[in-house]
Amino acid sequence: MVNSIILEVLNEVFKPLGFRKKSANWYRVSGDLYCVVAVQESRWGESCYVNVGFAPVVNVKAGWLPESKCLVRFRVDALTSISREGLDLLSGQAAEVGGEDDLRVGLVEKIATPVAQAVNPIESIQDLKSLLCTSVSDQVFIHREIRGELLEEG
């Protein structure tokens, strides 16, 4: 149940920002960067994960690139704006405790909106570098192809 509700909530938040939906993914090209937000079902129970990926536009063929192929990837729990309470909403128990309406409201406020606020303004490597330095913990995969550019000082 959490998976279907988070898919609906992400669609409501990301569609107006120009993201297109493909299965359980929302993606767009903005400026020099491609961004994708993907929902991944957990292998253990009813919970799910929300992942974010970025790649330079030149790496994207036919307008689509899965999160797993992006050069920068992280789970939303790496975003400093996402609380432990918000992450708990992605678990299978969340719907049982508060009901579907409360779950929906919580997912909008504590997951979808903070993720959208983090990724929406990112249009360049410099924007991404700033996001990684100010709003993301160190739990980020950065491919060696882009690592030097993102990690250099200044």
C-alpha atoms as a PDB file:
ATOM      1  CA  MET A   1       0.000   0.000   0.000  1.00  0.00           C
ATOM      2  CA  VAL A   2       2.834   2.436   0.803  1.00  0.00           C
ATOM      3  CA  ASN A   3       4.268   1.940  -2.678  1.00  0.00           C
ATOM      4  CA  SER A   4       1.043   2.851  -4.468  1.00  0.00           C
ATOM      5  CA  ILE A   5       0.476   5.907  -2.267  1.00  0.00           C
ATOM      6  CA  ILE A   6       4.047   7.192  -2.633  1.00  0.00           C
ATOM      7  CA  LEU A   7       3.742   6.793  -6.419  1.00  0.00           C
ATOM      8  CA  GLU A   8       0.564   8.895  -6.426  1.00  0.00           C
ATOM      9  CA  VAL A   9       2.070  11.523  -4.116  1.00  0.00           C
ATOM     10  CA  LEU A  10       5.297  11.841  -6.119  1.00  0.00           C
ATOM     11  CA  ASN A  11       3.285  12.178  -9.308  1.00  0.00           C
ATOM     12  CA  GLU A  12       1.216  15.006  -7.798  1.00  0.00           C
ATOM     13  CA  VAL A  13       4.361  16.863  -6.691  1.00  0.00           C
ATOM     14  CA  PHE A  14       6.746  16.207  -9.609  1.00  0.00           C
ATOM     15  CA  LYS A  15       4.443  16.472 -12.668  1.00  0.00           C
ATOM     16  CA  PRO A  16       3.831  20.239 -12.180  1.00  0.00           C
ATOM     17  CA  LEU A  17       7.630  20.729 -12.015  1.00  0.00           C
ATOM     18  CA  GLY A  18       8.047  19.344 -15.538  1.00  0.00           C
ATOM     19  CA  PHE A  19       9.068  15.805 -14.618  1.00  0.00           C
ATOM     20  CA  ARG A  20       7.839  12.981 -16.812  1.00  0.00           C
ATOM     21  CA  LYS A  21       6.764   9.642 -15.374  1.00  0.00           C
ATOM     22  CA  LYS A  22       8.064   6.285 -16.518  1.00  0.00           C
ATOM     23  CA  SER A  23       6.928   3.359 -14.372  1.00  0.00           C
ATOM     24  CA  ALA A  24       8.051   4.271 -10.815  1.00  0.00           C
ATOM     25  CA  ASN A  25      10.396   7.044 -12.008  1.00  0.00           C
ATOM     26  CA  TRP A  26      10.099  10.796 -12.542  1.00  0.00           C
ATOM     27  CA  TYR A  27      12.727  12.355 -14.766  1.00  0.00           C
ATOM     28  CA  ARG A  28      13.582  15.540 -16.620  1.00  0.00           C
ATOM     29  CA  VAL A  29      16.380  17.486 -18.225  1.00  0.00           C
ATOM     30  CA  SER A  30      16.933  20.917 -16.734  1.00  0.00           C
ATOM     31  CA  GLY A  31      19.830  23.027 -17.950  1.00  0.00           C
ATOM     32  CA  ASP A  32      22.909  20.819 -18.305  1.00  0.00           C
ATOM     33  CA  LEU A  33      21.678  18.026 -16.029  1.00  0.00           C
ATOM     34  CA  TYR A  34      19.324  15.115 -16.095  1.00  0.00           C
ATOM     35  CA  CYS A  35      17.545  14.209 -12.845  1.00  0.00           C
ATOM     36  CA  VAL A  36      15.550  11.122 -11.947  1.00  0.00           C
ATOM     37  CA  VAL A  37      13.611  10.288  -8.773  1.00  0.00           C
ATOM     38  CA  ALA A  38      12.885   6.572  -8.499  1.00  0.00           C
ATOM     39  CA  VAL A  39      10.829   4.452  -6.130  1.00  0.00           C
ATOM     40  CA  GLN A  40      12.369   1.074  -5.366  1.00  0.00           C
ATOM     41  CA  GLU A  41      10.405  -1.632  -3.606  1.00  0.00           C
ATOM     42  CA  SER A  42      12.113  -3.270  -0.675  1.00  0.00           C
ATOM     43  CA  ARG A  43      12.790  -6.972  -0.819  1.00  0.00           C
ATOM     44  CA  TRP A  44      11.707  -7.137   2.814  1.00  0.00           C
ATOM     45  CA  GLY A  45       8.034  -6.423   3.291  1.00  0.00           C
ATOM     46  CA  GLU A  46       5.887  -3.517   2.211  1.00  0.00           C
ATOM     47  CA  SER A  47       8.461  -0.750   2.529  1.00  0.00           C
ATOM     48  CA  CYS A  48      10.144   1.152  -0.271  1.00  0.00           C
ATOM     49  CA  TYR A  49      13.082   3.451  -0.950  1.00  0.00           C
ATOM     50  CA  VAL A  50      13.186   6.700  -2.870  1.00  0.00           C
ATOM     51  CA  ASN A  51      16.389   7.213  -4.856  1.00  0.00           C
ATOM     52  CA  VAL A  52      17.701  10.280  -6.674  1.00  0.00           C
ATOM     53  CA  GLY A  53      20.091  10.310  -9.618  1.00  0.00           C
ATOM     54  CA  PHE A  54      21.823  12.996 -11.662  1.00  0.00           C
ATOM     55  CA  ALA A  55      23.810  12.812 -14.874  1.00  0.00           C
ATOM     56  CA  PRO A  56      25.123  15.290 -17.437  1.00  0.00           C
ATOM     57  CA  VAL A  57      22.673  15.615 -20.326  1.00  0.00           C
ATOM     58  CA  VAL A  58      25.280  14.246 -22.766  1.00  0.00           C
ATOM     59  CA  ASN A  59      25.056  10.861 -20.986  1.00  0.00           C
ATOM     60  CA  VAL A  60      21.301  10.584 -21.579  1.00  0.00           C
ATOM     61  CA  LYS A  61      20.140   8.787 -24.686  1.00  0.00           C
ATOM     62  CA  ALA A  62      16.585   9.294 -25.977  1.00  0.00           C
ATOM     63  CA  GLY A  63      15.653  11.435 -22.968  1.00  0.00           C
ATOM     64  CA  TRP A  64      15.729   8.573 -20.443  1.00  0.00           C
ATOM     65  CA  LEU A  65      18.344   7.125 -18.105  1.00  0.00           C
ATOM     66  CA  PRO A  66      17.519   4.877 -15.130  1.00  0.00           C
ATOM     67  CA  GLU A  67      18.715   6.004 -11.704  1.00  0.00           C
ATOM     68  CA  SER A  68      21.106   3.046 -11.533  1.00  0.00           C
ATOM     69  CA  LYS A  69      23.022   4.432 -14.555  1.00  0.00           C
ATOM     70  CA  CYS A  70      23.346   7.999 -13.220  1.00  0.00           C
ATOM     71  CA  LEU A  71      26.790   9.307 -12.282  1.00  0.00           C
ATOM     72  CA  VAL A  72      25.564  10.732  -8.960  1.00  0.00           C
ATOM     73  CA  ARG A  73      23.105   8.677  -6.899  1.00  0.00           C
ATOM     74  CA  PHE A  74      21.737   8.707  -3.393  1.00  0.00           C
ATOM     75  CA  ARG A  75      18.735   7.663  -1.359  1.00  0.00           C
ATOM     76  CA  VAL A  76      16.511  10.397   0.026  1.00  0.00           C
ATOM     77  CA  ASP A  77      17.654   9.541   3.530  1.00  0.00           C
ATOM     78  CA  ALA A  78      20.936  11.242   2.540  1.00  0.00           C
ATOM     79  CA  LEU A  79      19.062  14.568   2.233  1.00  0.00           C
ATOM     80  CA  THR A  80      19.413  16.574   5.421  1.00  0.00           C
ATOM     81  CA  SER A  81      15.844  17.907   4.954  1.00  0.00           C
ATOM     82  CA  ILE A  82      14.361  14.406   5.333  1.00  0.00           C
ATOM     83  CA  SER A  83      13.617  13.482   8.936  1.00  0.00           C
ATOM     84  CA  ARG A  84      13.659  10.069  10.554  1.00  0.00           C
ATOM     85  CA  GLU A  85       9.893  10.464  10.956  1.00  0.00           C
ATOM     86  CA  GLY A  86       9.615  11.039   7.206  1.00  0.00           C
ATOM     87  CA  LEU A  87      11.667   7.949   6.399  1.00  0.00           C
ATOM     88  CA  ASP A  88       9.469   5.890   8.721  1.00  0.00           C
ATOM     89  CA  LEU A  89       6.539   6.733   6.430  1.00  0.00           C
ATOM     90  CA  LEU A  90       8.182   4.613   3.723  1.00  0.00           C
ATOM     91  CA  SER A  91       7.878   1.503   5.883  1.00  0.00           C
ATOM     92  CA  GLY A  92       5.047  -0.985   5.620  1.00  0.00           C
ATOM     93  CA  GLN A  93       3.843  -0.198   9.141  1.00  0.00           C
ATOM     94  CA  ALA A  94       3.145   3.477   8.394  1.00  0.00           C
ATOM     95  CA  ALA A  95      -0.240   2.886   6.754  1.00  0.00           C
ATOM     96  CA  GLU A  96      -1.350   0.497   9.488  1.00  0.00           C
ATOM     97  CA  VAL A  97      -0.632   3.014  12.244  1.00  0.00           C
ATOM     98  CA  GLY A  98      -2.181   6.210  10.873  1.00  0.00           C
ATOM     99  CA  GLY A  99      -4.402   5.249   7.975  1.00  0.00           C
ATOM    100  CA  GLU A 100      -4.176   6.098   4.295  1.00  0.00           C
ATOM    101  CA  ASP A 101      -5.145   9.796   4.532  1.00  0.00           C
ATOM    102  CA  ASP A 102      -2.582  10.540   7.238  1.00  0.00           C
ATOM    103  CA  LEU A 103       0.034   8.595   5.299  1.00  0.00           C
ATOM    104  CA  ARG A 104      -0.658  10.588   2.136  1.00  0.00           C
ATOM    105  CA  VAL A 105      -0.392  13.940   3.953  1.00  0.00           C
ATOM    106  CA  GLY A 106       2.791  12.847   5.712  1.00  0.00           C
ATOM    107  CA  LEU A 107       4.405  11.645   2.475  1.00  0.00           C
ATOM    108  CA  VAL A 108       3.665  14.968   0.770  1.00  0.00           C
ATOM    109  CA  GLU A 109       5.037  17.024   3.665  1.00  0.00           C
ATOM    110  CA  LYS A 110       7.962  14.868   4.766  1.00  0.00           C
ATOM    111  CA  ILE A 111       9.173  13.137   1.592  1.00  0.00           C
ATOM    112  CA  ALA A 112       7.852  14.449  -1.742  1.00  0.00           C
ATOM    113  CA  THR A 113       8.021  18.188  -1.034  1.00  0.00           C
ATOM    114  CA  PRO A 114      11.512  18.176   0.546  1.00  0.00           C
ATOM    115  CA  VAL A 115      12.869  16.038  -2.320  1.00  0.00           C
ATOM    116  CA  ALA A 116      11.275  18.346  -4.893  1.00  0.00           C
ATOM    117  CA  GLN A 117      12.685  21.419  -3.133  1.00  0.00           C
ATOM    118  CA  ALA A 118      16.145  19.846  -3.185  1.00  0.00           C
ATOM    119  CA  VAL A 119      16.248  18.697  -6.819  1.00  0.00           C
ATOM    120  CA  ASN A 120      14.052  21.232  -8.622  1.00  0.00           C
ATOM    121  CA  PRO A 121      16.605  24.092  -8.774  1.00  0.00           C
ATOM    122  CA  ILE A 122      19.503  21.871  -9.904  1.00  0.00           C
ATOM    123  CA  GLU A 123      20.436  22.761 -13.498  1.00  0.00           C
ATOM    124  CA  SER A 124      24.250  22.628 -13.608  1.00  0.00           C
ATOM    125  CA  ILE A 125      27.239  20.808 -12.174  1.00  0.00           C
ATOM    126  CA  GLN A 126      27.812  23.848  -9.943  1.00  0.00           C
ATOM    127  CA  ASP A 127      24.226  23.615  -8.600  1.00  0.00           C
ATOM    128  CA  LEU A 128      24.719  19.896  -7.972  1.00  0.00           C
ATOM    129  CA  LYS A 129      28.033  20.546  -6.246  1.00  0.00           C
ATOM    130  CA  SER A 130      26.311  23.070  -3.982  1.00  0.00           C
ATOM    131  CA  LEU A 131      23.507  20.613  -3.167  1.00  0.00           C
ATOM    132  CA  LEU A 132      26.015  17.892  -2.306  1.00  0.00           C
ATOM    133  CA  CYS A 133      28.011  20.250  -0.061  1.00  0.00           C
ATOM    134  CA  THR A 134      25.070  21.793   1.807  1.00  0.00           C
ATOM    135  CA  SER A 135      22.109  19.431   1.806  1.00  0.00           C
ATOM    136  CA  VAL A 136      23.321  15.862   1.332  1.00  0.00           C
ATOM    137  CA  SER A 137      25.195  13.614   3.748  1.00  0.00           C
ATOM    138  CA  ASP A 138      28.231  11.666   2.637  1.00  0.00           C
ATOM    139  CA  GLN A 139      26.117   8.652   1.629  1.00  0.00           C
ATOM    140  CA  VAL A 140      26.371   9.462  -2.061  1.00  0.00           C
ATOM    141  CA  PHE A 141      27.667   7.450  -4.982  1.00  0.00           C
ATOM    142  CA  ILE A 142      29.708   9.678  -7.289  1.00  0.00           C
ATOM    143  CA  HIS A 143      31.101   7.949 -10.372  1.00  0.00           C
ATOM    144  CA  ARG A 144      34.813   8.473 -10.998  1.00  0.00           C
ATOM    145  CA  GLU A 145      33.978  10.094 -14.351  1.00  0.00           C
ATOM    146  CA  ILE A 146      32.513  13.131 -12.552  1.00  0.00           C
ATOM    147  CA  ARG A 147      34.065  12.851  -9.071  1.00  0.00           C
ATOM    148  CA  GLY A 148      36.957  15.266  -9.663  1.00  0.00           C
ATOM    149  CA  GLU A 149      34.676  17.982 -10.987  1.00  0.00           C
ATOM    150  CA  LEU A 150      32.232  17.683  -8.091  1.00  0.00           C
ATOM    151  CA  LEU A 151      34.775  17.326  -5.300  1.00  0.00           C
ATOM    152  CA  GLU A 152      37.291  20.007  -6.317  1.00  0.00           C
ATOM    153  CA  GLU A 153      37.522  23.029  -4.055  1.00  0.00           C
ATOM    154  CA  GLY A 154      36.117  26.381  -5.133  1.00  0.00           C
END
